[in-house]
C-alpha cells in the first residue's frame, strides 16, 4: 500500500521508494514487541485477534479455519508438555520441536 508523504511516494512501512524500512517504524515495532507482556497473552486470545484481522482483510473462511486449527493444535501440544499456551512460548525452537513430533 502506498501513500504520499511530503510530495514523495512512500510504501507503507518503508522509506521513500528505495524499499528500505523506515528506521523509526522499525524501532517503534521492536519497542512494542519488546514491551508486550508475552507471558500474559494466551494463544487462545492471540488466535482470536489474528482471526479477526484475517477476516477483516478478506481471507477465506477456509484460511481462517486453518489458522485457528494450527494455533489450537500448537497450544494443545504446549499444554501436553506441561507448559502454558502463551505467546512467550511461541518460539522458533519450540515450534521446531512441535513440528518434529507431528
PDB file of N, CA and C in Angstrom:
ATOM      1  N   UNK A   1       0.838  -1.163   0.000  1.00  0.00           N
ATOM      2  CA  UNK A   1       0.000   0.000   0.000  1.00  0.00           C
ATOM      3  C   UNK A   1       0.881   1.223   0.000  1.00  0.00           C
ATOM      4  N   UNK A   2       0.611   2.163  -0.853  1.00  0.00           N
ATOM      5  CA  UNK A   2       1.435   3.360  -0.961  1.00  0.00           C
ATOM      6  C   UNK A   2       0.643   4.579  -0.517  1.00  0.00           C
ATOM      7  N   UNK A   3       1.346   5.579  -0.008  1.00  0.00           N
ATOM      8  CA  UNK A   3       0.732   6.854   0.301  1.00  0.00           C
ATOM      9  C   UNK A   3       1.740   7.951   0.020  1.00  0.00           C
ATOM     10  N   UNK A   4       1.259   9.177  -0.053  1.00  0.00           N
ATOM     11  CA  UNK A   4       2.152  10.301  -0.325  1.00  0.00           C
ATOM     12  C   UNK A   4       2.604  10.921   0.993  1.00  0.00           C
ATOM     13  N   UNK A   5       3.857  11.233   1.087  1.00  0.00           N
ATOM     14  CA  UNK A   5       4.409  11.874   2.266  1.00  0.00           C
ATOM     15  C   UNK A   5       5.317  13.001   1.804  1.00  0.00           C
ATOM     16  N   UNK A   6       4.938  14.211   2.097  1.00  0.00           N
ATOM     17  CA  UNK A   6       5.730  15.387   1.728  1.00  0.00           C
ATOM     18  C   UNK A   6       6.088  15.380   0.241  1.00  0.00           C
ATOM     19  N   UNK A   7       5.112  15.028  -0.598  1.00  0.00           N
ATOM     20  CA  UNK A   7       5.311  15.100  -2.039  1.00  0.00           C
ATOM     21  C   UNK A   7       6.021  13.916  -2.663  1.00  0.00           C
ATOM     22  N   UNK A   8       6.469  12.949  -1.893  1.00  0.00           N
ATOM     23  CA  UNK A   8       7.125  11.785  -2.485  1.00  0.00           C
ATOM     24  C   UNK A   8       6.319  10.535  -2.171  1.00  0.00           C
ATOM     25  N   UNK A   9       6.364   9.584  -3.062  1.00  0.00           N
ATOM     26  CA  UNK A   9       5.630   8.344  -2.891  1.00  0.00           C
ATOM     27  C   UNK A   9       6.366   7.468  -1.890  1.00  0.00           C
ATOM     28  N   UNK A  10       5.647   6.976  -0.895  1.00  0.00           N
ATOM     29  CA  UNK A  10       6.236   6.153   0.158  1.00  0.00           C
ATOM     30  C   UNK A  10       5.398   4.891   0.290  1.00  0.00           C
ATOM     31  N   UNK A  11       6.058   3.736   0.306  1.00  0.00           N
ATOM     32  CA  UNK A  11       5.361   2.480   0.536  1.00  0.00           C
ATOM     33  C   UNK A  11       5.134   2.343   2.043  1.00  0.00           C
ATOM     34  N   UNK A  12       3.970   1.853   2.404  1.00  0.00           N
ATOM     35  CA  UNK A  12       3.659   1.690   3.817  1.00  0.00           C
ATOM     36  C   UNK A  12       4.727   0.836   4.486  1.00  0.00           C
ATOM     37  N   UNK A  13       5.297   1.353   5.574  1.00  0.00           N
ATOM     38  CA  UNK A  13       6.298   0.604   6.324  1.00  0.00           C
ATOM     39  C   UNK A  13       7.700   0.684   5.736  1.00  0.00           C
ATOM     40  N   UNK A  14       7.898   1.508   4.701  1.00  0.00           N
ATOM     41  CA  UNK A  14       9.224   1.631   4.113  1.00  0.00           C
ATOM     42  C   UNK A  14       9.594   3.096   4.002  1.00  0.00           C
ATOM     43  N   UNK A  15      10.838   3.340   3.681  1.00  0.00           N
ATOM     44  CA  UNK A  15      11.291   4.688   3.408  1.00  0.00           C
ATOM     45  C   UNK A  15      10.924   5.053   1.973  1.00  0.00           C
ATOM     46  N   UNK A  16      11.276   6.235   1.508  1.00  0.00           N
ATOM     47  CA  UNK A  16      10.940   6.664   0.156  1.00  0.00           C
ATOM     48  C   UNK A  16      11.471   5.698  -0.885  1.00  0.00           C
ATOM     49  N   UNK A  17      10.635   5.083  -1.624  1.00  0.00           N
ATOM     50  CA  UNK A  17      10.819   4.192  -2.759  1.00  0.00           C
ATOM     51  C   UNK A  17      12.046   3.295  -2.811  1.00  0.00           C
ATOM     52  N   UNK A  18      13.038   3.513  -1.991  1.00  0.00           N
ATOM     53  CA  UNK A  18      14.172   2.586  -2.018  1.00  0.00           C
ATOM     54  C   UNK A  18      13.757   1.221  -1.506  1.00  0.00           C
ATOM     55  N   UNK A  19      12.635   1.156  -0.815  1.00  0.00           N
ATOM     56  CA  UNK A  19      12.206  -0.105  -0.242  1.00  0.00           C
ATOM     57  C   UNK A  19      12.856  -0.388   1.104  1.00  0.00           C
ATOM     58  N   UNK A  20      13.642   0.549   1.593  1.00  0.00           N
ATOM     59  CA  UNK A  20      14.285   0.344   2.886  1.00  0.00           C
ATOM     60  C   UNK A  20      13.299   0.663   4.003  1.00  0.00           C
ATOM     61  N   UNK A  21      13.323  -0.106   5.072  1.00  0.00           N
ATOM     62  CA  UNK A  21      12.418   0.151   6.179  1.00  0.00           C
ATOM     63  C   UNK A  21      12.690   1.507   6.808  1.00  0.00           C
ATOM     64  N   UNK A  22      11.645   2.172   7.222  1.00  0.00           N
ATOM     65  CA  UNK A  22      11.771   3.430   7.942  1.00  0.00           C
ATOM     66  C   UNK A  22      12.331   3.106   9.331  1.00  0.00           C
ATOM     67  N   UNK A  23      13.508   3.611   9.687  1.00  0.00           N
ATOM     68  CA  UNK A  23      14.133   3.260  10.972  1.00  0.00           C
ATOM     69  C   UNK A  23      13.232   3.564  12.165  1.00  0.00           C
ATOM     70  N   UNK A  24      12.468   4.643  12.111  1.00  0.00           N
ATOM     71  CA  UNK A  24      11.576   4.984  13.210  1.00  0.00           C
ATOM     72  C   UNK A  24      10.488   3.929  13.357  1.00  0.00           C
ATOM     73  N   UNK A  25       9.903   3.498  12.236  1.00  0.00           N
ATOM     74  CA  UNK A  25       8.854   2.474  12.304  1.00  0.00           C
ATOM     75  C   UNK A  25       9.419   1.150  12.818  1.00  0.00           C
ATOM     76  N   UNK A  26      10.614   0.796  12.379  1.00  0.00           N
ATOM     77  CA  UNK A  26      11.242  -0.445  12.849  1.00  0.00           C
ATOM     78  C   UNK A  26      11.486  -0.360  14.345  1.00  0.00           C
ATOM     79  N   UNK A  27      12.004   0.774  14.810  1.00  0.00           N
ATOM     80  CA  UNK A  27      12.276   0.948  16.234  1.00  0.00           C
ATOM     81  C   UNK A  27      10.984   0.888  17.051  1.00  0.00           C
ATOM     82  N   UNK A  28       9.916   1.537  16.570  1.00  0.00           N
ATOM     83  CA  UNK A  28       8.640   1.507  17.276  1.00  0.00           C
ATOM     84  C   UNK A  28       8.077   0.093  17.326  1.00  0.00           C
ATOM     85  N   UNK A  29       8.179  -0.645  16.225  1.00  0.00           N
ATOM     86  CA  UNK A  29       7.678  -2.025  16.191  1.00  0.00           C
ATOM     87  C   UNK A  29       8.444  -2.888  17.187  1.00  0.00           C
ATOM     88  N   UNK A  30       9.755  -2.742  17.209  1.00  0.00           N
ATOM     89  CA  UNK A  30      10.555  -3.524  18.154  1.00  0.00           C
ATOM     90  C   UNK A  30      10.208  -3.149  19.588  1.00  0.00           C
ATOM     91  N   UNK A  31      10.017  -1.864  19.824  1.00  0.00           N
ATOM     92  CA  UNK A  31       9.694  -1.409  21.164  1.00  0.00           C
ATOM     93  C   UNK A  31       8.368  -2.000  21.620  1.00  0.00           C
ATOM     94  N   UNK A  32       7.355  -1.982  20.754  1.00  0.00           N
ATOM     95  CA  UNK A  32       6.061  -2.558  21.120  1.00  0.00           C
ATOM     96  C   UNK A  32       6.207  -4.052  21.390  1.00  0.00           C
ATOM     97  N   UNK A  33       6.952  -4.755  20.523  1.00  0.00           N
ATOM     98  CA  UNK A  33       7.139  -6.193  20.698  1.00  0.00           C
ATOM     99  C   UNK A  33       7.853  -6.480  22.004  1.00  0.00           C
ATOM    100  N   UNK A  34       8.927  -5.739  22.262  1.00  0.00           N
ATOM    101  CA  UNK A  34       9.713  -5.968  23.464  1.00  0.00           C
ATOM    102  C   UNK A  34       8.931  -5.618  24.719  1.00  0.00           C
ATOM    103  N   UNK A  35       8.050  -4.635  24.648  1.00  0.00           N
ATOM    104  CA  UNK A  35       7.282  -4.203  25.806  1.00  0.00           C
ATOM    105  C   UNK A  35       6.062  -5.091  26.064  1.00  0.00           C
ATOM    106  N   UNK A  36       5.678  -5.872  25.080  1.00  0.00           N
ATOM    107  CA  UNK A  36       4.485  -6.704  25.207  1.00  0.00           C
ATOM    108  C   UNK A  36       4.663  -7.755  26.299  1.00  0.00           C
ATOM    109  N   UNK A  37       3.633  -7.945  27.089  1.00  0.00           N
ATOM    110  CA  UNK A  37       3.641  -8.963  28.132  1.00  0.00           C
ATOM    111  C   UNK A  37       3.283 -10.315  27.502  1.00  0.00           C
ATOM    112  N   UNK A  38       4.270 -10.954  26.907  1.00  0.00           N
ATOM    113  CA  UNK A  38       4.037 -12.194  26.161  1.00  0.00           C
ATOM    114  C   UNK A  38       3.558 -13.334  27.046  1.00  0.00           C
ATOM    115  N   UNK A  39       3.979 -13.347  28.296  1.00  0.00           N
ATOM    116  CA  UNK A  39       3.553 -14.425  29.183  1.00  0.00           C
ATOM    117  C   UNK A  39       2.086 -14.279  29.571  1.00  0.00           C
ATOM    118  N   UNK A  40       1.535 -13.086  29.422  1.00  0.00           N
ATOM    119  CA  UNK A  40       0.142 -12.853  29.788  1.00  0.00           C
ATOM    120  C   UNK A  40      -0.813 -13.075  28.611  1.00  0.00           C
ATOM    121  N   UNK A  41      -0.300 -13.105  27.390  1.00  0.00           N
ATOM    122  CA  UNK A  41      -1.167 -13.262  26.218  1.00  0.00           C
ATOM    123  C   UNK A  41      -1.269 -14.736  25.858  1.00  0.00           C
ATOM    124  N   UNK A  42      -2.430 -15.302  26.134  1.00  0.00           N
ATOM    125  CA  UNK A  42      -2.654 -16.713  25.827  1.00  0.00           C
ATOM    126  C   UNK A  42      -2.839 -16.883  24.324  1.00  0.00           C
ATOM    127  N   UNK A  43      -2.424 -18.042  23.815  1.00  0.00           N
ATOM    128  CA  UNK A  43      -2.562 -18.302  22.384  1.00  0.00           C
ATOM    129  C   UNK A  43      -4.024 -18.253  21.948  1.00  0.00           C
ATOM    130  N   UNK A  44      -4.936 -18.610  22.840  1.00  0.00           N
ATOM    131  CA  UNK A  44      -6.358 -18.527  22.519  1.00  0.00           C
ATOM    132  C   UNK A  44      -6.755 -17.082  22.202  1.00  0.00           C
ATOM    133  N   UNK A  45      -6.270 -16.137  23.032  1.00  0.00           N
ATOM    134  CA  UNK A  45      -6.554 -14.720  22.797  1.00  0.00           C
ATOM    135  C   UNK A  45      -5.869 -14.237  21.518  1.00  0.00           C
ATOM    136  N   UNK A  46      -4.623 -14.655  21.330  1.00  0.00           N
ATOM    137  CA  UNK A  46      -3.890 -14.282  20.132  1.00  0.00           C
ATOM    138  C   UNK A  46      -4.615 -14.798  18.896  1.00  0.00           C
ATOM    139  N   UNK A  47      -5.123 -16.003  18.974  1.00  0.00           N
ATOM    140  CA  UNK A  47      -5.851 -16.590  17.863  1.00  0.00           C
ATOM    141  C   UNK A  47      -7.080 -15.758  17.523  1.00  0.00           C
ATOM    142  N   UNK A  48      -7.815 -15.338  18.534  1.00  0.00           N
ATOM    143  CA  UNK A  48      -8.998 -14.509  18.298  1.00  0.00           C
ATOM    144  C   UNK A  48      -8.628 -13.204  17.596  1.00  0.00           C
ATOM    145  N   UNK A  49      -7.540 -12.571  18.036  1.00  0.00           N
ATOM    146  CA  UNK A  49      -7.087 -11.328  17.410  1.00  0.00           C
ATOM    147  C   UNK A  49      -6.659 -11.566  15.963  1.00  0.00           C
ATOM    148  N   UNK A  50      -5.893 -12.615  15.744  1.00  0.00           N
ATOM    149  CA  UNK A  50      -5.412 -12.939  14.408  1.00  0.00           C
ATOM    150  C   UNK A  50      -6.572 -13.255  13.471  1.00  0.00           C
ATOM    151  N   UNK A  51      -7.508 -14.055  13.950  1.00  0.00           N
ATOM    152  CA  UNK A  51      -8.638 -14.449  13.108  1.00  0.00           C
ATOM    153  C   UNK A  51      -9.512 -13.255  12.755  1.00  0.00           C
ATOM    154  N   UNK A  52      -9.709 -12.342  13.694  1.00  0.00           N
ATOM    155  CA  UNK A  52     -10.472 -11.129  13.404  1.00  0.00           C
ATOM    156  C   UNK A  52      -9.756 -10.299  12.343  1.00  0.00           C
ATOM    157  N   UNK A  53      -8.427 -10.207  12.442  1.00  0.00           N
ATOM    158  CA  UNK A  53      -7.649  -9.473  11.451  1.00  0.00           C
ATOM    159  C   UNK A  53      -7.746 -10.123  10.080  1.00  0.00           C
ATOM    160  N   UNK A  54      -7.618 -11.443  10.032  1.00  0.00           N
ATOM    161  CA  UNK A  54      -7.679 -12.154   8.751  1.00  0.00           C
ATOM    162  C   UNK A  54      -9.065 -12.030   8.126  1.00  0.00           C
ATOM    163  N   UNK A  55     -10.102 -12.093   8.954  1.00  0.00           N
ATOM    164  CA  UNK A  55     -11.457 -11.941   8.439  1.00  0.00           C
ATOM    165  C   UNK A  55     -11.664 -10.530   7.903  1.00  0.00           C
ATOM    166  N   UNK A  56     -11.187  -9.526   8.639  1.00  0.00           N
ATOM    167  CA  UNK A  56     -11.320  -8.133   8.206  1.00  0.00           C
ATOM    168  C   UNK A  56     -10.549  -7.864   6.919  1.00  0.00           C
ATOM    169  N   UNK A  57      -9.463  -8.602   6.709  1.00  0.00           N
ATOM    170  CA  UNK A  57      -8.672  -8.384   5.496  1.00  0.00           C
ATOM    171  C   UNK A  57      -9.163  -9.244   4.331  1.00  0.00           C
ATOM    172  N   UNK A  58     -10.300  -9.928   4.531  1.00  0.00           N
ATOM    173  CA  UNK A  58     -10.936 -10.633   3.428  1.00  0.00           C
ATOM    174  C   UNK A  58     -10.441 -12.041   3.151  1.00  0.00           C
ATOM    175  N   UNK A  59      -9.773 -12.665   4.116  1.00  0.00           N
ATOM    176  CA  UNK A  59      -9.315 -14.038   3.911  1.00  0.00           C
ATOM    177  C   UNK A  59     -10.512 -14.971   3.865  1.00  0.00           C
ATOM    178  N   UNK A  60     -10.350 -16.076   3.171  1.00  0.00           N
ATOM    179  CA  UNK A  60     -11.445 -17.035   3.040  1.00  0.00           C
ATOM    180  C   UNK A  60     -11.710 -17.727   4.376  1.00  0.00           C
ATOM    181  N   UNK A  61     -12.925 -18.244   4.523  1.00  0.00           N
ATOM    182  CA  UNK A  61     -13.265 -18.957   5.756  1.00  0.00           C
ATOM    183  C   UNK A  61     -12.390 -20.191   5.915  1.00  0.00           C
ATOM    184  N   UNK A  62     -11.987 -20.809   4.813  1.00  0.00           N
ATOM    185  CA  UNK A  62     -11.110 -21.977   4.874  1.00  0.00           C
ATOM    186  C   UNK A  62      -9.738 -21.599   5.437  1.00  0.00           C
ATOM    187  N   UNK A  63      -9.206 -20.467   4.999  1.00  0.00           N
ATOM    188  CA  UNK A  63      -7.910 -19.986   5.505  1.00  0.00           C
ATOM    189  C   UNK A  63      -8.012 -19.658   6.988  1.00  0.00           C
ATOM    190  N   UNK A  64      -9.074 -18.980   7.373  1.00  0.00           N
ATOM    191  CA  UNK A  64      -9.275 -18.615   8.777  1.00  0.00           C
ATOM    192  C   UNK A  64      -9.389 -19.872   9.630  1.00  0.00           C
ATOM    193  N   UNK A  65     -10.109 -20.860   9.150  1.00  0.00           N
ATOM    194  CA  UNK A  65     -10.257 -22.128   9.870  1.00  0.00           C
ATOM    195  C   UNK A  65      -8.898 -22.818  10.026  1.00  0.00           C
ATOM    196  N   UNK A  66      -8.056 -22.752   8.983  1.00  0.00           N
ATOM    197  CA  UNK A  66      -6.726 -23.366   9.041  1.00  0.00           C
ATOM    198  C   UNK A  66      -5.869 -22.691  10.111  1.00  0.00           C
ATOM    199  N   UNK A  67      -5.864 -21.334  10.123  1.00  0.00           N
ATOM    200  CA  UNK A  67      -5.103 -20.603  11.145  1.00  0.00           C
ATOM    201  C   UNK A  67      -5.569 -20.995  12.543  1.00  0.00           C
ATOM    202  N   UNK A  68      -6.886 -21.008  12.753  1.00  0.00           N
ATOM    203  CA  UNK A  68      -7.434 -21.334  14.070  1.00  0.00           C
ATOM    204  C   UNK A  68      -7.003 -22.730  14.512  1.00  0.00           C
ATOM    205  N   UNK A  69      -7.089 -23.694  13.609  1.00  0.00           N
ATOM    206  CA  UNK A  69      -6.709 -25.063  13.941  1.00  0.00           C
ATOM    207  C   UNK A  69      -5.227 -25.195  14.241  1.00  0.00           C
ATOM    208  N   UNK A  70      -4.392 -24.523  13.459  1.00  0.00           N
ATOM    209  CA  UNK A  70      -2.941 -24.608  13.663  1.00  0.00           C
ATOM    210  C   UNK A  70      -2.546 -24.047  15.021  1.00  0.00           C
ATOM    211  N   UNK A  71      -3.111 -22.907  15.385  1.00  0.00           N
ATOM    212  CA  UNK A  71      -2.786 -22.302  16.681  1.00  0.00           C
ATOM    213  C   UNK A  71      -3.325 -23.164  17.813  1.00  0.00           C
ATOM    214  N   UNK A  72      -4.530 -23.687  17.656  1.00  0.00           N
ATOM    215  CA  UNK A  72      -5.132 -24.536  18.682  1.00  0.00           C
ATOM    216  C   UNK A  72      -4.300 -25.796  18.910  1.00  0.00           C
ATOM    217  N   UNK A  73      -3.887 -26.435  17.829  1.00  0.00           N
ATOM    218  CA  UNK A  73      -3.093 -27.668  17.962  1.00  0.00           C
ATOM    219  C   UNK A  73      -1.751 -27.395  18.643  1.00  0.00           C
ATOM    220  N   UNK A  74      -1.107 -26.275  18.310  1.00  0.00           N
ATOM    221  CA  UNK A  74       0.162 -25.934  18.950  1.00  0.00           C
ATOM    222  C   UNK A  74      -0.061 -25.662  20.443  1.00  0.00           C
ATOM    223  N   UNK A  75      -1.115 -24.931  20.764  1.00  0.00           N
ATOM    224  CA  UNK A  75      -1.434 -24.664  22.166  1.00  0.00           C
ATOM    225  C   UNK A  75      -1.716 -25.940  22.932  1.00  0.00           C
ATOM    226  N   UNK A  76      -2.460 -26.851  22.319  1.00  0.00           N
ATOM    227  CA  UNK A  76      -2.742 -28.142  22.955  1.00  0.00           C
ATOM    228  C   UNK A  76      -1.443 -28.909  23.214  1.00  0.00           C
ATOM    229  N   UNK A  77      -0.528 -28.880  22.241  1.00  0.00           N
ATOM    230  CA  UNK A  77       0.755 -29.570  22.388  1.00  0.00           C
ATOM    231  C   UNK A  77       1.540 -28.969  23.553  1.00  0.00           C
ATOM    232  N   UNK A  78       1.570 -27.623  23.640  1.00  0.00           N
ATOM    233  CA  UNK A  78       2.273 -26.977  24.753  1.00  0.00           C
ATOM    234  C   UNK A  78       1.710 -27.451  26.085  1.00  0.00           C
ATOM    235  N   UNK A  79       0.401 -27.501  26.191  1.00  0.00           N
ATOM    236  CA  UNK A  79      -0.220 -27.925  27.443  1.00  0.00           C
ATOM    237  C   UNK A  79       0.100 -29.382  27.768  1.00  0.00           C
ATOM    238  N   UNK A  80       0.181 -30.239  26.746  1.00  0.00           N
ATOM    239  CA  UNK A  80       0.569 -31.635  26.997  1.00  0.00           C
ATOM    240  C   UNK A  80       2.006 -31.721  27.495  1.00  0.00           C
ATOM    241  N   UNK A  81       2.818 -30.714  27.159  1.00  0.00           N
ATOM    242  CA  UNK A  81       4.200 -30.674  27.635  1.00  0.00           C
ATOM    243  C   UNK A  81       4.288 -30.100  29.048  1.00  0.00           C
ATOM    244  N   UNK A  82       3.140 -29.685  29.593  1.00  0.00           N
ATOM    245  CA  UNK A  82       3.121 -29.094  30.933  1.00  0.00           C
ATOM    246  C   UNK A  82       3.416 -27.609  30.930  1.00  0.00           C
ATOM    247  N   UNK A  83       3.286 -26.966  29.785  1.00  0.00           N
ATOM    248  CA  UNK A  83       3.579 -25.533  29.661  1.00  0.00           C
ATOM    249  C   UNK A  83       2.296 -24.758  29.383  1.00  0.00           C
ATOM    250  N   UNK A  84       2.323 -23.488  29.718  1.00  0.00           N
ATOM    251  CA  UNK A  84       1.188 -22.611  29.437  1.00  0.00           C
ATOM    252  C   UNK A  84       1.199 -22.256  27.952  1.00  0.00           C
ATOM    253  N   UNK A  85       0.029 -22.235  27.360  1.00  0.00           N
ATOM    254  CA  UNK A  85      -0.088 -21.889  25.932  1.00  0.00           C
ATOM    255  C   UNK A  85      -0.144 -20.373  25.796  1.00  0.00           C
ATOM    256  N   UNK A  86       1.035 -19.747  25.866  1.00  0.00           N
ATOM    257  CA  UNK A  86       1.128 -18.292  25.775  1.00  0.00           C
ATOM    258  C   UNK A  86       2.053 -17.890  24.638  1.00  0.00           C
ATOM    259  N   UNK A  87       1.957 -16.628  24.275  1.00  0.00           N
ATOM    260  CA  UNK A  87       2.814 -16.103  23.213  1.00  0.00           C
ATOM    261  C   UNK A  87       4.289 -16.245  23.570  1.00  0.00           C
ATOM    262  N   UNK A  88       4.609 -16.172  24.833  1.00  0.00           N
ATOM    263  CA  UNK A  88       6.004 -16.307  25.278  1.00  0.00           C
ATOM    264  C   UNK A  88       6.610 -17.629  24.811  1.00  0.00           C
ATOM    265  N   UNK A  89       5.793 -18.660  24.683  1.00  0.00           N
ATOM    266  CA  UNK A  89       6.292 -19.975  24.280  1.00  0.00           C
ATOM    267  C   UNK A  89       6.088 -20.263  22.795  1.00  0.00           C
ATOM    268  N   UNK A  90       5.779 -19.237  22.046  1.00  0.00           N
ATOM    269  CA  UNK A  90       5.681 -19.366  20.589  1.00  0.00           C
ATOM    270  C   UNK A  90       7.043 -18.958  20.030  1.00  0.00           C
ATOM    271  N   UNK A  91       8.009 -19.879  20.192  1.00  0.00           N
ATOM    272  CA  UNK A  91       9.388 -19.606  19.790  1.00  0.00           C
ATOM    273  C   UNK A  91       9.788 -20.534  18.658  1.00  0.00           C
ATOM    274  N   UNK A  92      10.797 -20.147  17.930  1.00  0.00           N
ATOM    275  CA  UNK A  92      11.276 -20.961  16.823  1.00  0.00           C
ATOM    276  C   UNK A  92      11.700 -22.348  17.304  1.00  0.00           C
ATOM    277  N   UNK A  93      12.435 -22.416  18.397  1.00  0.00           N
ATOM    278  CA  UNK A  93      12.892 -23.708  18.909  1.00  0.00           C
ATOM    279  C   UNK A  93      11.733 -24.621  19.291  1.00  0.00           C
ATOM    280  N   UNK A  94      10.743 -24.069  19.990  1.00  0.00           N
ATOM    281  CA  UNK A  94       9.610 -24.901  20.398  1.00  0.00           C
ATOM    282  C   UNK A  94       8.741 -25.303  19.210  1.00  0.00           C
ATOM    283  N   UNK A  95       8.552 -24.406  18.263  1.00  0.00           N
ATOM    284  CA  UNK A  95       7.766 -24.754  17.075  1.00  0.00           C
ATOM    285  C   UNK A  95       8.483 -25.849  16.291  1.00  0.00           C
ATOM    286  N   UNK A  96       9.800 -25.770  16.182  1.00  0.00           N
ATOM    287  CA  UNK A  96      10.556 -26.835  15.503  1.00  0.00           C
ATOM    288  C   UNK A  96      10.377 -28.159  16.217  1.00  0.00           C
ATOM    289  N   UNK A  97      10.439 -28.136  17.549  1.00  0.00           N
ATOM    290  CA  UNK A  97      10.240 -29.371  18.316  1.00  0.00           C
ATOM    291  C   UNK A  97       8.834 -29.926  18.091  1.00  0.00           C
ATOM    292  N   UNK A  98       7.856 -29.030  18.099  1.00  0.00           N
ATOM    293  CA  UNK A  98       6.471 -29.437  17.830  1.00  0.00           C
ATOM    294  C   UNK A  98       6.333 -30.094  16.459  1.00  0.00           C
ATOM    295  N   UNK A  99       6.935 -29.478  15.441  1.00  0.00           N
ATOM    296  CA  UNK A  99       6.824 -29.995  14.087  1.00  0.00           C
ATOM    297  C   UNK A  99       7.459 -31.376  13.973  1.00  0.00           C
ATOM    298  N   UNK A 100       8.571 -31.592  14.659  1.00  0.00           N
ATOM    299  CA  UNK A 100       9.211 -32.914  14.593  1.00  0.00           C
ATOM    300  C   UNK A 100       8.360 -33.997  15.236  1.00  0.00           C
ATOM    301  N   UNK A 101       7.455 -33.599  16.118  1.00  0.00           N
ATOM    302  CA  UNK A 101       6.604 -34.566  16.799  1.00  0.00           C
ATOM    303  C   UNK A 101       5.268 -34.775  16.095  1.00  0.00           C
ATOM    304  N   UNK A 102       5.046 -34.083  14.994  1.00  0.00           N
ATOM    305  CA  UNK A 102       3.775 -34.263  14.259  1.00  0.00           C
ATOM    306  C   UNK A 102       3.683 -35.622  13.631  1.00  0.00           C
TER     307      UNK A 102
END
